[in-house]
Amino acid sequence: RTPLGRARGLGAAKHGVGHFIAERVSGLALLPLGLWGVFAAVRLAGKDWALATAWVAQPLNAVLLGLLIVVGFYHLRLATQVVIEDYVYGFVSKTALLLLNLAVSVLGAALGVFAILKVALTGAF
């Protein structure tokens, strides 16, 4: 067999580009959301509970805060998945860690969005 014939089938699995693009797009989305989040946190630092709940109850703030949580956990899941796939050897341990990564990311995002909605809609935590 020729070297090209031996190398065929050993290349990319044709799915890495989508993951790469998703990481970059979520990272780009996190730039303005993260800056907004830091600005909001600095602005709210030292304020009382009533002012903070009133701030979260504003629709734009609640939506942006929810987006920050969801995009942040999505980006975290993608980045952690790459680390697990690159550095964990063994099918069972890799699969278990990937499933745990997915579960923790979904649970964290769901709890974050639930907390935002609860504060925004009821004004209490």
PDB file of N, CA and C in Angstrom:
ATOM      1  N   ARG A   1       0.828  -1.190   0.000  1.00  0.00           N
ATOM      2  CA  ARG A   1       0.000   0.000   0.000  1.00  0.00           C
ATOM      3  C   ARG A   1       0.866   1.245   0.000  1.00  0.00           C
ATOM      4  N   THR A   2       0.360   2.284  -0.585  1.00  0.00           N
ATOM      5  CA  THR A   2       1.084   3.554  -0.611  1.00  0.00           C
ATOM      6  C   THR A   2       0.886   4.271   0.717  1.00  0.00           C
ATOM      7  N   PRO A   3       1.741   5.247   1.032  1.00  0.00           N
ATOM      8  CA  PRO A   3       1.555   6.014   2.274  1.00  0.00           C
ATOM      9  C   PRO A   3       0.194   6.712   2.333  1.00  0.00           C
ATOM     10  N   LEU A   4      -0.297   7.201   1.197  1.00  0.00           N
ATOM     11  CA  LEU A   4      -1.600   7.841   1.191  1.00  0.00           C
ATOM     12  C   LEU A   4      -2.698   6.839   1.506  1.00  0.00           C
ATOM     13  N   GLY A   5      -2.589   5.645   0.968  1.00  0.00           N
ATOM     14  CA  GLY A   5      -3.587   4.607   1.237  1.00  0.00           C
ATOM     15  C   GLY A   5      -3.603   4.202   2.703  1.00  0.00           C
ATOM     16  N   ARG A   6      -2.429   4.142   3.335  1.00  0.00           N
ATOM     17  CA  ARG A   6      -2.375   3.796   4.762  1.00  0.00           C
ATOM     18  C   ARG A   6      -2.928   4.921   5.629  1.00  0.00           C
ATOM     19  N   ALA A   7      -2.773   6.166   5.169  1.00  0.00           N
ATOM     20  CA  ALA A   7      -3.205   7.307   5.975  1.00  0.00           C
ATOM     21  C   ALA A   7      -4.695   7.589   5.841  1.00  0.00           C
ATOM     22  N   ARG A   8      -5.331   7.109   4.797  1.00  0.00           N
ATOM     23  CA  ARG A   8      -6.764   7.375   4.615  1.00  0.00           C
ATOM     24  C   ARG A   8      -7.559   6.782   5.769  1.00  0.00           C
ATOM     25  N   GLY A   9      -8.508   7.545   6.233  1.00  0.00           N
ATOM     26  CA  GLY A   9      -9.329   7.075   7.343  1.00  0.00           C
ATOM     27  C   GLY A   9      -8.748   7.405   8.706  1.00  0.00           C
ATOM     28  N   LEU A  10      -7.551   7.972   8.749  1.00  0.00           N
ATOM     29  CA  LEU A  10      -6.935   8.302  10.034  1.00  0.00           C
ATOM     30  C   LEU A  10      -7.039   9.794  10.349  1.00  0.00           C
ATOM     31  N   GLY A  11      -7.684  10.551   9.480  1.00  0.00           N
ATOM     32  CA  GLY A  11      -7.765  11.996   9.668  1.00  0.00           C
ATOM     33  C   GLY A  11      -8.917  12.397  10.556  1.00  0.00           C
ATOM     34  N   ALA A  12      -9.380  13.611  10.336  1.00  0.00           N
ATOM     35  CA  ALA A  12     -10.461  14.178  11.134  1.00  0.00           C
ATOM     36  C   ALA A  12     -11.744  13.378  10.947  1.00  0.00           C
ATOM     37  N   ALA A  13     -12.558  13.384  11.965  1.00  0.00           N
ATOM     38  CA  ALA A  13     -13.825  12.655  11.928  1.00  0.00           C
ATOM     39  C   ALA A  13     -14.938  13.526  11.344  1.00  0.00           C
ATOM     40  N   LYS A  14     -14.586  14.664  10.780  1.00  0.00           N
ATOM     41  CA  LYS A  14     -15.515  15.571  10.109  1.00  0.00           C
ATOM     42  C   LYS A  14     -16.533  16.217  11.046  1.00  0.00           C
ATOM     43  N   HIS A  15     -16.272  16.270  12.336  1.00  0.00           N
ATOM     44  CA  HIS A  15     -17.204  16.928  13.247  1.00  0.00           C
ATOM     45  C   HIS A  15     -16.523  17.974  14.124  1.00  0.00           C
ATOM     46  N   GLY A  16     -15.242  18.125  14.022  1.00  0.00           N
ATOM     47  CA  GLY A  16     -14.520  19.062  14.878  1.00  0.00           C
ATOM     48  C   GLY A  16     -14.738  20.517  14.510  1.00  0.00           C
ATOM     49  N   VAL A  17     -15.083  20.791  13.263  1.00  0.00           N
ATOM     50  CA  VAL A  17     -15.250  22.179  12.835  1.00  0.00           C
ATOM     51  C   VAL A  17     -16.448  22.820  13.529  1.00  0.00           C
ATOM     52  N   GLY A  18     -17.536  22.083  13.642  1.00  0.00           N
ATOM     53  CA  GLY A  18     -18.717  22.620  14.317  1.00  0.00           C
ATOM     54  C   GLY A  18     -18.444  22.944  15.779  1.00  0.00           C
ATOM     55  N   HIS A  19     -17.697  22.074  16.439  1.00  0.00           N
ATOM     56  CA  HIS A  19     -17.326  22.298  17.843  1.00  0.00           C
ATOM     57  C   HIS A  19     -16.430  23.523  17.954  1.00  0.00           C
ATOM     58  N   PHE A  20     -15.479  23.643  17.047  1.00  0.00           N
ATOM     59  CA  PHE A  20     -14.560  24.780  17.034  1.00  0.00           C
ATOM     60  C   PHE A  20     -15.332  26.090  16.859  1.00  0.00           C
ATOM     61  N   ILE A  21     -16.261  26.104  15.901  1.00  0.00           N
ATOM     62  CA  ILE A  21     -17.038  27.315  15.641  1.00  0.00           C
ATOM     63  C   ILE A  21     -17.939  27.641  16.833  1.00  0.00           C
ATOM     64  N   ALA A  22     -18.537  26.619  17.442  1.00  0.00           N
ATOM     65  CA  ALA A  22     -19.405  26.849  18.604  1.00  0.00           C
ATOM     66  C   ALA A  22     -18.612  27.459  19.756  1.00  0.00           C
ATOM     67  N   GLU A  23     -17.390  26.990  19.970  1.00  0.00           N
ATOM     68  CA  GLU A  23     -16.546  27.566  21.021  1.00  0.00           C
ATOM     69  C   GLU A  23     -16.254  29.027  20.745  1.00  0.00           C
ATOM     70  N   ARG A  24     -15.917  29.337  19.493  1.00  0.00           N
ATOM     71  CA  ARG A  24     -15.565  30.713  19.155  1.00  0.00           C
ATOM     72  C   ARG A  24     -16.779  31.636  19.238  1.00  0.00           C
ATOM     73  N   VAL A  25     -17.926  31.175  18.750  1.00  0.00           N
ATOM     74  CA  VAL A  25     -19.130  32.014  18.783  1.00  0.00           C
ATOM     75  C   VAL A  25     -19.578  32.255  20.224  1.00  0.00           C
ATOM     76  N   SER A  26     -19.552  31.205  21.050  1.00  0.00           N
ATOM     77  CA  SER A  26     -19.941  31.395  22.451  1.00  0.00           C
ATOM     78  C   SER A  26     -18.936  32.298  23.171  1.00  0.00           C
ATOM     79  N   GLY A  27     -17.662  32.175  22.825  1.00  0.00           N
ATOM     80  CA  GLY A  27     -16.661  33.067  23.405  1.00  0.00           C
ATOM     81  C   GLY A  27     -16.886  34.518  23.009  1.00  0.00           C
ATOM     82  N   LEU A  28     -17.226  34.734  21.733  1.00  0.00           N
ATOM     83  CA  LEU A  28     -17.525  36.092  21.279  1.00  0.00           C
ATOM     84  C   LEU A  28     -18.782  36.643  21.949  1.00  0.00           C
ATOM     85  N   ALA A  29     -19.775  35.789  22.150  1.00  0.00           N
ATOM     86  CA  ALA A  29     -20.995  36.231  22.823  1.00  0.00           C
ATOM     87  C   ALA A  29     -20.714  36.581  24.282  1.00  0.00           C
ATOM     88  N   LEU A  30     -19.760  35.880  24.886  1.00  0.00           N
ATOM     89  CA  LEU A  30     -19.441  36.139  26.287  1.00  0.00           C
ATOM     90  C   LEU A  30     -18.695  37.460  26.500  1.00  0.00           C
ATOM     91  N   LEU A  31     -18.043  37.962  25.464  1.00  0.00           N
ATOM     92  CA  LEU A  31     -17.319  39.230  25.635  1.00  0.00           C
ATOM     93  C   LEU A  31     -18.257  40.375  26.043  1.00  0.00           C
ATOM     94  N   PRO A  32     -19.265  40.712  25.247  1.00  0.00           N
ATOM     95  CA  PRO A  32     -20.135  41.815  25.702  1.00  0.00           C
ATOM     96  C   PRO A  32     -20.973  41.436  26.924  1.00  0.00           C
ATOM     97  N   LEU A  33     -21.416  40.169  26.990  1.00  0.00           N
ATOM     98  CA  LEU A  33     -22.206  39.757  28.151  1.00  0.00           C
ATOM     99  C   LEU A  33     -21.378  39.819  29.433  1.00  0.00           C
ATOM    100  N   GLY A  34     -20.129  39.386  29.347  1.00  0.00           N
ATOM    101  CA  GLY A  34     -19.246  39.425  30.511  1.00  0.00           C
ATOM    102  C   GLY A  34     -18.940  40.848  30.950  1.00  0.00           C
ATOM    103  N   LEU A  35     -18.684  41.723  29.981  1.00  0.00           N
ATOM    104  CA  LEU A  35     -18.442  43.130  30.321  1.00  0.00           C
ATOM    105  C   LEU A  35     -19.677  43.751  30.961  1.00  0.00           C
ATOM    106  N   TRP A  36     -20.851  43.434  30.406  1.00  0.00           N
ATOM    107  CA  TRP A  36     -22.091  43.931  30.997  1.00  0.00           C
ATOM    108  C   TRP A  36     -22.253  43.385  32.419  1.00  0.00           C
ATOM    109  N   GLY A  37     -21.948  42.092  32.614  1.00  0.00           N
ATOM    110  CA  GLY A  37     -22.082  41.476  33.933  1.00  0.00           C
ATOM    111  C   GLY A  37     -21.150  42.094  34.961  1.00  0.00           C
ATOM    112  N   VAL A  38     -19.921  42.352  34.569  1.00  0.00           N
ATOM    113  CA  VAL A  38     -18.965  42.979  35.487  1.00  0.00           C
ATOM    114  C   VAL A  38     -19.424  44.394  35.825  1.00  0.00           C
ATOM    115  N   PHE A  39     -19.853  45.154  34.816  1.00  0.00           N
ATOM    116  CA  PHE A  39     -20.352  46.503  35.050  1.00  0.00           C
ATOM    117  C   PHE A  39     -21.550  46.485  35.994  1.00  0.00           C
ATOM    118  N   ALA A  40     -22.465  45.535  35.775  1.00  0.00           N
ATOM    119  CA  ALA A  40     -23.657  45.445  36.630  1.00  0.00           C
ATOM    120  C   ALA A  40     -23.280  45.052  38.055  1.00  0.00           C
ATOM    121  N   ALA A  41     -22.333  44.127  38.202  1.00  0.00           N
ATOM    122  CA  ALA A  41     -21.926  43.695  39.538  1.00  0.00           C
ATOM    123  C   ALA A  41     -21.256  44.834  40.303  1.00  0.00           C
ATOM    124  N   VAL A  42     -20.425  45.594  39.623  1.00  0.00           N
ATOM    125  CA  VAL A  42     -19.763  46.724  40.274  1.00  0.00           C
ATOM    126  C   VAL A  42     -20.800  47.775  40.668  1.00  0.00           C
ATOM    127  N   ARG A  43     -21.763  47.995  39.787  1.00  0.00           N
ATOM    128  CA  ARG A  43     -22.802  48.984  40.068  1.00  0.00           C
ATOM    129  C   ARG A  43     -23.693  48.576  41.235  1.00  0.00           C
ATOM    130  N   LEU A  44     -23.937  47.269  41.365  1.00  0.00           N
ATOM    131  CA  LEU A  44     -24.817  46.784  42.432  1.00  0.00           C
ATOM    132  C   LEU A  44     -24.083  46.481  43.741  1.00  0.00           C
ATOM    133  N   ALA A  45     -22.772  46.488  43.713  1.00  0.00           N
ATOM    134  CA  ALA A  45     -22.000  46.167  44.915  1.00  0.00           C
ATOM    135  C   ALA A  45     -22.324  47.156  46.031  1.00  0.00           C
ATOM    136  N   GLY A  46     -22.639  46.610  47.187  1.00  0.00           N
ATOM    137  CA  GLY A  46     -22.919  47.449  48.344  1.00  0.00           C
ATOM    138  C   GLY A  46     -24.350  47.955  48.422  1.00  0.00           C
ATOM    139  N   LYS A  47     -25.160  47.621  47.436  1.00  0.00           N
ATOM    140  CA  LYS A  47     -26.561  48.055  47.474  1.00  0.00           C
ATOM    141  C   LYS A  47     -27.383  47.056  48.282  1.00  0.00           C
ATOM    142  N   ASP A  48     -28.582  47.454  48.651  1.00  0.00           N
ATOM    143  CA  ASP A  48     -29.418  46.573  49.469  1.00  0.00           C
ATOM    144  C   ASP A  48     -30.176  45.572  48.597  1.00  0.00           C
ATOM    145  N   TRP A  49     -30.806  44.597  49.278  1.00  0.00           N
ATOM    146  CA  TRP A  49     -31.517  43.510  48.619  1.00  0.00           C
ATOM    147  C   TRP A  49     -32.666  44.025  47.756  1.00  0.00           C
ATOM    148  N   ALA A  50     -33.409  44.993  48.226  1.00  0.00           N
ATOM    149  CA  ALA A  50     -34.566  45.514  47.490  1.00  0.00           C
ATOM    150  C   ALA A  50     -34.144  46.123  46.160  1.00  0.00           C
ATOM    151  N   LEU A  51     -33.042  46.856  46.150  1.00  0.00           N
ATOM    152  CA  LEU A  51     -32.570  47.454  44.910  1.00  0.00           C
ATOM    153  C   LEU A  51     -32.089  46.382  43.939  1.00  0.00           C
ATOM    154  N   ALA A  52     -31.402  45.363  44.458  1.00  0.00           N
ATOM    155  CA  ALA A  52     -30.911  44.288  43.599  1.00  0.00           C
ATOM    156  C   ALA A  52     -32.063  43.498  42.987  1.00  0.00           C
ATOM    157  N   THR A  53     -33.098  43.192  43.773  1.00  0.00           N
ATOM    158  CA  THR A  53     -34.241  42.462  43.226  1.00  0.00           C
ATOM    159  C   THR A  53     -35.015  43.324  42.229  1.00  0.00           C
ATOM    160  N   ALA A  54     -35.104  44.610  42.472  1.00  0.00           N
ATOM    161  CA  ALA A  54     -35.754  45.502  41.514  1.00  0.00           C
ATOM    162  C   ALA A  54     -34.954  45.568  40.216  1.00  0.00           C
ATOM    163  N   TRP A  55     -33.638  45.525  40.324  1.00  0.00           N
ATOM    164  CA  TRP A  55     -32.782  45.532  39.141  1.00  0.00           C
ATOM    165  C   TRP A  55     -32.974  44.255  38.331  1.00  0.00           C
ATOM    166  N   VAL A  56     -33.002  43.105  38.996  1.00  0.00           N
ATOM    167  CA  VAL A  56     -33.205  41.834  38.300  1.00  0.00           C
ATOM    168  C   VAL A  56     -34.611  41.754  37.717  1.00  0.00           C
ATOM    169  N   ALA A  57     -35.576  42.397  38.327  1.00  0.00           N
ATOM    170  CA  ALA A  57     -36.963  42.352  37.855  1.00  0.00           C
ATOM    171  C   ALA A  57     -37.162  43.125  36.554  1.00  0.00           C
ATOM    172  N   GLN A  58     -36.224  43.983  36.191  1.00  0.00           N
ATOM    173  CA  GLN A  58     -36.337  44.682  34.916  1.00  0.00           C
ATOM    174  C   GLN A  58     -36.103  43.681  33.789  1.00  0.00           C
ATOM    175  N   PRO A  59     -36.990  43.648  32.790  1.00  0.00           N
ATOM    176  CA  PRO A  59     -36.919  42.608  31.756  1.00  0.00           C
ATOM    177  C   PRO A  59     -35.578  42.531  31.025  1.00  0.00           C
ATOM    178  N   LEU A  60     -35.012  43.643  30.644  1.00  0.00           N
ATOM    179  CA  LEU A  60     -33.740  43.609  29.917  1.00  0.00           C
ATOM    180  C   LEU A  60     -32.637  43.006  30.773  1.00  0.00           C
ATOM    181  N   ASN A  61     -32.581  43.397  32.040  1.00  0.00           N
ATOM    182  CA  ASN A  61     -31.557  42.862  32.937  1.00  0.00           C
ATOM    183  C   ASN A  61     -31.746  41.365  33.157  1.00  0.00           C
ATOM    184  N   ALA A  62     -32.984  40.923  33.332  1.00  0.00           N
ATOM    185  CA  ALA A  62     -33.250  39.492  33.544  1.00  0.00           C
ATOM    186  C   ALA A  62     -32.863  38.680  32.318  1.00  0.00           C
ATOM    187  N   VAL A  63     -33.181  39.179  31.125  1.00  0.00           N
ATOM    188  CA  VAL A  63     -32.843  38.465  29.894  1.00  0.00           C
ATOM    189  C   VAL A  63     -31.333  38.408  29.704  1.00  0.00           C
ATOM    190  N   LEU A  64     -30.658  39.527  29.891  1.00  0.00           N
ATOM    191  CA  LEU A  64     -29.199  39.538  29.726  1.00  0.00           C
ATOM    192  C   LEU A  64     -28.511  38.668  30.771  1.00  0.00           C
ATOM    193  N   LEU A  65     -29.015  38.682  31.981  1.00  0.00           N
ATOM    194  CA  LEU A  65     -28.450  37.827  33.028  1.00  0.00           C
ATOM    195  C   LEU A  65     -28.664  36.350  32.699  1.00  0.00           C
ATOM    196  N   GLY A  66     -29.851  36.014  32.200  1.00  0.00           N
ATOM    197  CA  GLY A  66     -30.119  34.638  31.776  1.00  0.00           C
ATOM    198  C   GLY A  66     -29.220  34.217  30.628  1.00  0.00           C
ATOM    199  N   LEU A  67     -29.027  35.101  29.660  1.00  0.00           N
ATOM    200  CA  LEU A  67     -28.124  34.793  28.550  1.00  0.00           C
ATOM    201  C   LEU A  67     -26.690  34.595  29.035  1.00  0.00           C
ATOM    202  N   LEU A  68     -26.259  35.419  29.961  1.00  0.00           N
ATOM    203  CA  LEU A  68     -24.910  35.285  30.515  1.00  0.00           C
ATOM    204  C   LEU A  68     -24.738  33.919  31.173  1.00  0.00           C
ATOM    205  N   ILE A  69     -25.725  33.489  31.930  1.00  0.00           N
ATOM    206  CA  ILE A  69     -25.652  32.188  32.600  1.00  0.00           C
ATOM    207  C   ILE A  69     -25.636  31.056  31.578  1.00  0.00           C
ATOM    208  N   VAL A  70     -26.569  31.067  30.634  1.00  0.00           N
ATOM    209  CA  VAL A  70     -26.698  29.971  29.673  1.00  0.00           C
ATOM    210  C   VAL A  70     -25.479  29.895  28.759  1.00  0.00           C
ATOM    211  N   VAL A  71     -25.067  31.024  28.200  1.00  0.00           N
ATOM    212  CA  VAL A  71     -23.909  31.019  27.300  1.00  0.00           C
ATOM    213  C   VAL A  71     -22.636  30.673  28.072  1.00  0.00           C
ATOM    214  N   GLY A  72     -22.526  31.147  29.285  1.00  0.00           N
ATOM    215  CA  GLY A  72     -21.356  30.822  30.101  1.00  0.00           C
ATOM    216  C   GLY A  72     -21.245  29.336  30.383  1.00  0.00           C
ATOM    217  N   PHE A  73     -22.345  28.705  30.766  1.00  0.00           N
ATOM    218  CA  PHE A  73     -22.301  27.262  31.018  1.00  0.00           C
ATOM    219  C   PHE A  73     -22.101  26.468  29.733  1.00  0.00           C
ATOM    220  N   TYR A  74     -22.656  26.942  28.617  1.00  0.00           N
ATOM    221  CA  TYR A  74     -22.456  26.261  27.334  1.00  0.00           C
ATOM    222  C   TYR A  74     -20.981  26.312  26.937  1.00  0.00           C
ATOM    223  N   HIS A  75     -20.377  27.484  27.061  1.00  0.00           N
ATOM    224  CA  HIS A  75     -18.959  27.642  26.741  1.00  0.00           C
ATOM    225  C   HIS A  75     -18.095  26.791  27.687  1.00  0.00           C
ATOM    226  N   LEU A  76     -18.455  26.770  28.951  1.00  0.00           N
ATOM    227  CA  LEU A  76     -17.740  25.944  29.917  1.00  0.00           C
ATOM    228  C   LEU A  76     -17.817  24.468  29.544  1.00  0.00           C
ATOM    229  N   ARG A  77     -19.006  24.008  29.139  1.00  0.00           N
ATOM    230  CA  ARG A  77     -19.166  22.610  28.750  1.00  0.00           C
ATOM    231  C   ARG A  77     -18.302  22.265  27.542  1.00  0.00           C
ATOM    232  N   LEU A  78     -18.284  23.146  26.546  1.00  0.00           N
ATOM    233  CA  LEU A  78     -17.481  22.896  25.354  1.00  0.00           C
ATOM    234  C   LEU A  78     -15.992  22.842  25.685  1.00  0.00           C
ATOM    235  N   ALA A  79     -15.527  23.784  26.484  1.00  0.00           N
ATOM    236  CA  ALA A  79     -14.105  23.827  26.830  1.00  0.00           C
ATOM    237  C   ALA A  79     -13.700  22.622  27.672  1.00  0.00           C
ATOM    238  N   THR A  80     -14.534  22.251  28.623  1.00  0.00           N
ATOM    239  CA  THR A  80     -14.229  21.098  29.470  1.00  0.00           C
ATOM    240  C   THR A  80     -14.274  19.810  28.654  1.00  0.00           C
ATOM    241  N   GLN A  81     -15.171  19.742  27.685  1.00  0.00           N
ATOM    242  CA  GLN A  81     -15.255  18.563  26.822  1.00  0.00           C
ATOM    243  C   GLN A  81     -13.954  18.362  26.045  1.00  0.00           C
ATOM    244  N   VAL A  82     -13.376  19.447  25.552  1.00  0.00           N
ATOM    245  CA  VAL A  82     -12.112  19.347  24.821  1.00  0.00           C
ATOM    246  C   VAL A  82     -11.011  18.825  25.732  1.00  0.00           C
ATOM    247  N   VAL A  83     -10.956  19.330  26.954  1.00  0.00           N
ATOM    248  CA  VAL A  83      -9.919  18.878  27.894  1.00  0.00           C
ATOM    249  C   VAL A  83     -10.100  17.399  28.208  1.00  0.00           C
ATOM    250  N   ILE A  84     -11.333  16.964  28.439  1.00  0.00           N
ATOM    251  CA  ILE A  84     -11.598  15.552  28.741  1.00  0.00           C
ATOM    252  C   ILE A  84     -11.222  14.682  27.550  1.00  0.00           C
ATOM    253  N   GLU A  85     -11.629  15.078  26.363  1.00  0.00           N
ATOM    254  CA  GLU A  85     -11.328  14.269  25.176  1.00  0.00           C
ATOM    255  C   GLU A  85      -9.839  14.195  24.892  1.00  0.00           C
ATOM    256  N   ASP A  86      -9.105  15.257  25.208  1.00  0.00           N
ATOM    257  CA  ASP A  86      -7.674  15.270  24.911  1.00  0.00           C
ATOM    258  C   ASP A  86      -6.827  14.575  25.967  1.00  0.00           C
ATOM    259  N   TYR A  87      -7.242  14.600  27.226  1.00  0.00           N
ATOM    260  CA  TYR A  87      -6.349  14.149  28.288  1.00  0.00           C
ATOM    261  C   TYR A  87      -6.838  12.953  29.097  1.00  0.00           C
ATOM    262  N   VAL A  88      -8.038  12.494  28.873  1.00  0.00           N
ATOM    263  CA  VAL A  88      -8.527  11.331  29.607  1.00  0.00           C
ATOM    264  C   VAL A  88      -8.495  10.138  28.661  1.00  0.00           C
ATOM    265  N   TYR A  89      -7.814   9.091  29.085  1.00  0.00           N
ATOM    266  CA  TYR A  89      -7.690   7.887  28.275  1.00  0.00           C
ATOM    267  C   TYR A  89      -8.540   6.796  28.897  1.00  0.00           C
ATOM    268  N   GLY A  90      -9.122   5.990  28.088  1.00  0.00           N
ATOM    269  CA  GLY A  90     -10.006   4.942  28.580  1.00  0.00           C
ATOM    270  C   GLY A  90     -11.444   5.294  28.267  1.00  0.00           C
ATOM    271  N   PHE A  91     -12.110   4.393  27.605  1.00  0.00           N
ATOM    272  CA  PHE A  91     -13.456   4.652  27.115  1.00  0.00           C
ATOM    273  C   PHE A  91     -14.441   4.908  28.255  1.00  0.00           C
ATOM    274  N   VAL A  92     -14.416   4.094  29.293  1.00  0.00           N
ATOM    275  CA  VAL A  92     -15.399   4.205  30.369  1.00  0.00           C
ATOM    276  C   VAL A  92     -15.219   5.506  31.146  1.00  0.00           C
ATOM    277  N   SER A  93     -13.998   5.818  31.529  1.00  0.00           N
ATOM    278  CA  SER A  93     -13.772   7.041  32.306  1.00  0.00           C
ATOM    279  C   SER A  93     -14.048   8.284  31.463  1.00  0.00           C
ATOM    280  N   LYS A  94     -13.673   8.258  30.183  1.00  0.00           N
ATOM    281  CA  LYS A  94     -13.935   9.403  29.318  1.00  0.00           C
ATOM    282  C   LYS A  94     -15.440   9.608  29.144  1.00  0.00           C
ATOM    283  N   THR A  95     -16.168   8.529  28.907  1.00  0.00           N
ATOM    284  CA  THR A  95     -17.609   8.624  28.727  1.00  0.00           C
ATOM    285  C   THR A  95     -18.290   9.115  30.003  1.00  0.00           C
ATOM    286  N   ALA A  96     -17.862   8.585  31.147  1.00  0.00           N
ATOM    287  CA  ALA A  96     -18.456   9.001  32.420  1.00  0.00           C
ATOM    288  C   ALA A  96     -18.206  10.486  32.676  1.00  0.00           C
ATOM    289  N   LEU A  97     -16.993  10.955  32.405  1.00  0.00           N
ATOM    290  CA  LEU A  97     -16.684  12.369  32.625  1.00  0.00           C
ATOM    291  C   LEU A  97     -17.425  13.274  31.646  1.00  0.00           C
ATOM    292  N   LEU A  98     -17.587  12.833  30.418  1.00  0.00           N
ATOM    293  CA  LEU A  98     -18.338  13.631  29.452  1.00  0.00           C
ATOM    294  C   LEU A  98     -19.808  13.737  29.851  1.00  0.00           C
ATOM    295  N   LEU A  99     -20.384  12.643  30.336  1.00  0.00           N
ATOM    296  CA  LEU A  99     -21.771  12.683  30.810  1.00  0.00           C
ATOM    297  C   LEU A  99     -21.908  13.549  32.062  1.00  0.00           C
ATOM    298  N   LEU A 100     -20.941  13.454  32.966  1.00  0.00           N
ATOM    299  CA  LEU A 100     -20.953  14.300  34.161  1.00  0.00           C
ATOM    300  C   LEU A 100     -20.807  15.771  33.782  1.00  0.00           C
ATOM    301  N   ASN A 101     -19.947  16.056  32.820  1.00  0.00           N
ATOM    302  CA  ASN A 101     -19.769  17.423  32.325  1.00  0.00           C
ATOM    303  C   ASN A 101     -21.084  17.974  31.781  1.00  0.00           C
ATOM    304  N   LEU A 102     -21.772  17.177  30.986  1.00  0.00           N
ATOM    305  CA  LEU A 102     -23.050  17.603  30.434  1.00  0.00           C
ATOM    306  C   LEU A 102     -24.084  17.825  31.542  1.00  0.00           C
ATOM    307  N   ALA A 103     -24.153  16.900  32.487  1.00  0.00           N
ATOM    308  CA  ALA A 103     -25.138  17.004  33.569  1.00  0.00           C
ATOM    309  C   ALA A 103     -24.886  18.225  34.446  1.00  0.00           C
ATOM    310  N   VAL A 104     -23.643  18.461  34.801  1.00  0.00           N
ATOM    311  CA  VAL A 104     -23.317  19.613  35.651  1.00  0.00           C
ATOM    312  C   VAL A 104     -23.609  20.917  34.909  1.00  0.00           C
ATOM    313  N   SER A 105     -23.294  20.970  33.625  1.00  0.00           N
ATOM    314  CA  SER A 105     -23.542  22.187  32.850  1.00  0.00           C
ATOM    315  C   SER A 105     -25.032  22.471  32.717  1.00  0.00           C
ATOM    316  N   VAL A 106     -25.813  21.453  32.399  1.00  0.00           N
ATOM    317  CA  VAL A 106     -27.257  21.647  32.248  1.00  0.00           C
ATOM    318  C   VAL A 106     -27.886  22.003  33.596  1.00  0.00           C
ATOM    319  N   LEU A 107     -27.483  21.310  34.652  1.00  0.00           N
ATOM    320  CA  LEU A 107     -28.031  21.592  35.978  1.00  0.00           C
ATOM    321  C   LEU A 107     -27.662  23.003  36.437  1.00  0.00           C
ATOM    322  N   GLY A 108     -26.413  23.402  36.242  1.00  0.00           N
ATOM    323  CA  GLY A 108     -25.989  24.742  36.642  1.00  0.00           C
ATOM    324  C   GLY A 108     -26.735  25.828  35.894  1.00  0.00           C
ATOM    325  N   ALA A 109     -26.881  25.655  34.576  1.00  0.00           N
ATOM    326  CA  ALA A 109     -27.608  26.647  33.784  1.00  0.00           C
ATOM    327  C   ALA A 109     -29.080  26.683  34.190  1.00  0.00           C
ATOM    328  N   ALA A 110     -29.682  25.525  34.414  1.00  0.00           N
ATOM    329  CA  ALA A 110     -31.093  25.474  34.802  1.00  0.00           C
ATOM    330  C   ALA A 110     -31.318  26.136  36.160  1.00  0.00           C
ATOM    331  N   LEU A 111     -30.445  25.852  37.118  1.00  0.00           N
ATOM    332  CA  LEU A 111     -30.576  26.474  38.433  1.00  0.00           C
ATOM    333  C   LEU A 111     -30.371  27.987  38.360  1.00  0.00           C
ATOM    334  N   GLY A 112     -29.424  28.423  37.552  1.00  0.00           N
ATOM    335  CA  GLY A 112     -29.188  29.852  37.398  1.00  0.00           C
ATOM    336  C   GLY A 112     -30.381  30.568  36.788  1.00  0.00           C
ATOM    337  N   VAL A 113     -30.940  29.992  35.730  1.00  0.00           N
ATOM    338  CA  VAL A 113     -32.106  30.599  35.082  1.00  0.00           C
ATOM    339  C   VAL A 113     -33.309  30.563  36.023  1.00  0.00           C
ATOM    340  N   PHE A 114     -33.482  29.457  36.756  1.00  0.00           N
ATOM    341  CA  PHE A 114     -34.581  29.377  37.718  1.00  0.00           C
ATOM    342  C   PHE A 114     -34.462  30.462  38.780  1.00  0.00           C
ATOM    343  N   ALA A 115     -33.257  30.668  39.300  1.00  0.00           N
ATOM    344  CA  ALA A 115     -33.057  31.694  40.330  1.00  0.00           C
ATOM    345  C   ALA A 115     -33.355  33.084  39.780  1.00  0.00           C
ATOM    346  N   ILE A 116     -32.921  33.347  38.557  1.00  0.00           N
ATOM    347  CA  ILE A 116     -33.195  34.651  37.947  1.00  0.00           C
ATOM    348  C   ILE A 116     -34.695  34.855  37.772  1.00  0.00           C
ATOM    349  N   LEU A 117     -35.379  33.832  37.254  1.00  0.00           N
ATOM    350  CA  LEU A 117     -36.826  33.940  37.047  1.00  0.00           C
ATOM    351  C   LEU A 117     -37.576  34.107  38.365  1.00  0.00           C
ATOM    352  N   LYS A 118     -37.146  33.383  39.377  1.00  0.00           N
ATOM    353  CA  LYS A 118     -37.826  33.480  40.670  1.00  0.00           C
ATOM    354  C   LYS A 118     -37.689  34.883  41.252  1.00  0.00           C
ATOM    355  N   VAL A 119     -36.485  35.425  41.213  1.00  0.00           N
ATOM    356  CA  VAL A 119     -36.263  36.772  41.741  1.00  0.00           C
ATOM    357  C   VAL A 119     -36.998  37.804  40.871  1.00  0.00           C
ATOM    358  N   ALA A 120     -36.925  37.618  39.556  1.00  0.00           N
ATOM    359  CA  ALA A 120     -37.535  38.602  38.659  1.00  0.00           C
ATOM    360  C   ALA A 120     -39.055  38.604  38.746  1.00  0.00           C
ATOM    361  N   LEU A 121     -39.659  37.436  38.927  1.00  0.00           N
ATOM    362  CA  LEU A 121     -41.107  37.353  38.912  1.00  0.00           C
ATOM    363  C   LEU A 121     -41.754  37.498  40.287  1.00  0.00           C
ATOM    364  N   THR A 122     -41.047  37.091  41.328  1.00  0.00           N
ATOM    365  CA  THR A 122     -41.657  37.150  42.666  1.00  0.00           C
ATOM    366  C   THR A 122     -40.986  38.193  43.564  1.00  0.00           C
ATOM    367  N   GLY A 123     -39.766  38.576  43.249  1.00  0.00           N
ATOM    368  CA  GLY A 123     -39.054  39.535  44.071  1.00  0.00           C
ATOM    369  C   GLY A 123     -38.458  38.945  45.337  1.00  0.00           C
ATOM    370  N   ALA A 124     -38.496  37.608  45.446  1.00  0.00           N
ATOM    371  CA  ALA A 124     -37.949  36.942  46.629  1.00  0.00           C
ATOM    372  C   ALA A 124     -37.145  35.743  46.185  1.00  0.00           C
ATOM    373  N   PHE A 125     -36.211  35.337  47.031  1.00  0.00           N
ATOM    374  CA  PHE A 125     -35.400  34.159  46.742  1.00  0.00           C
ATOM    375  C   PHE A 125     -35.643  33.104  47.717  1.00  0.00           C
TER     376      PHE A 125
END
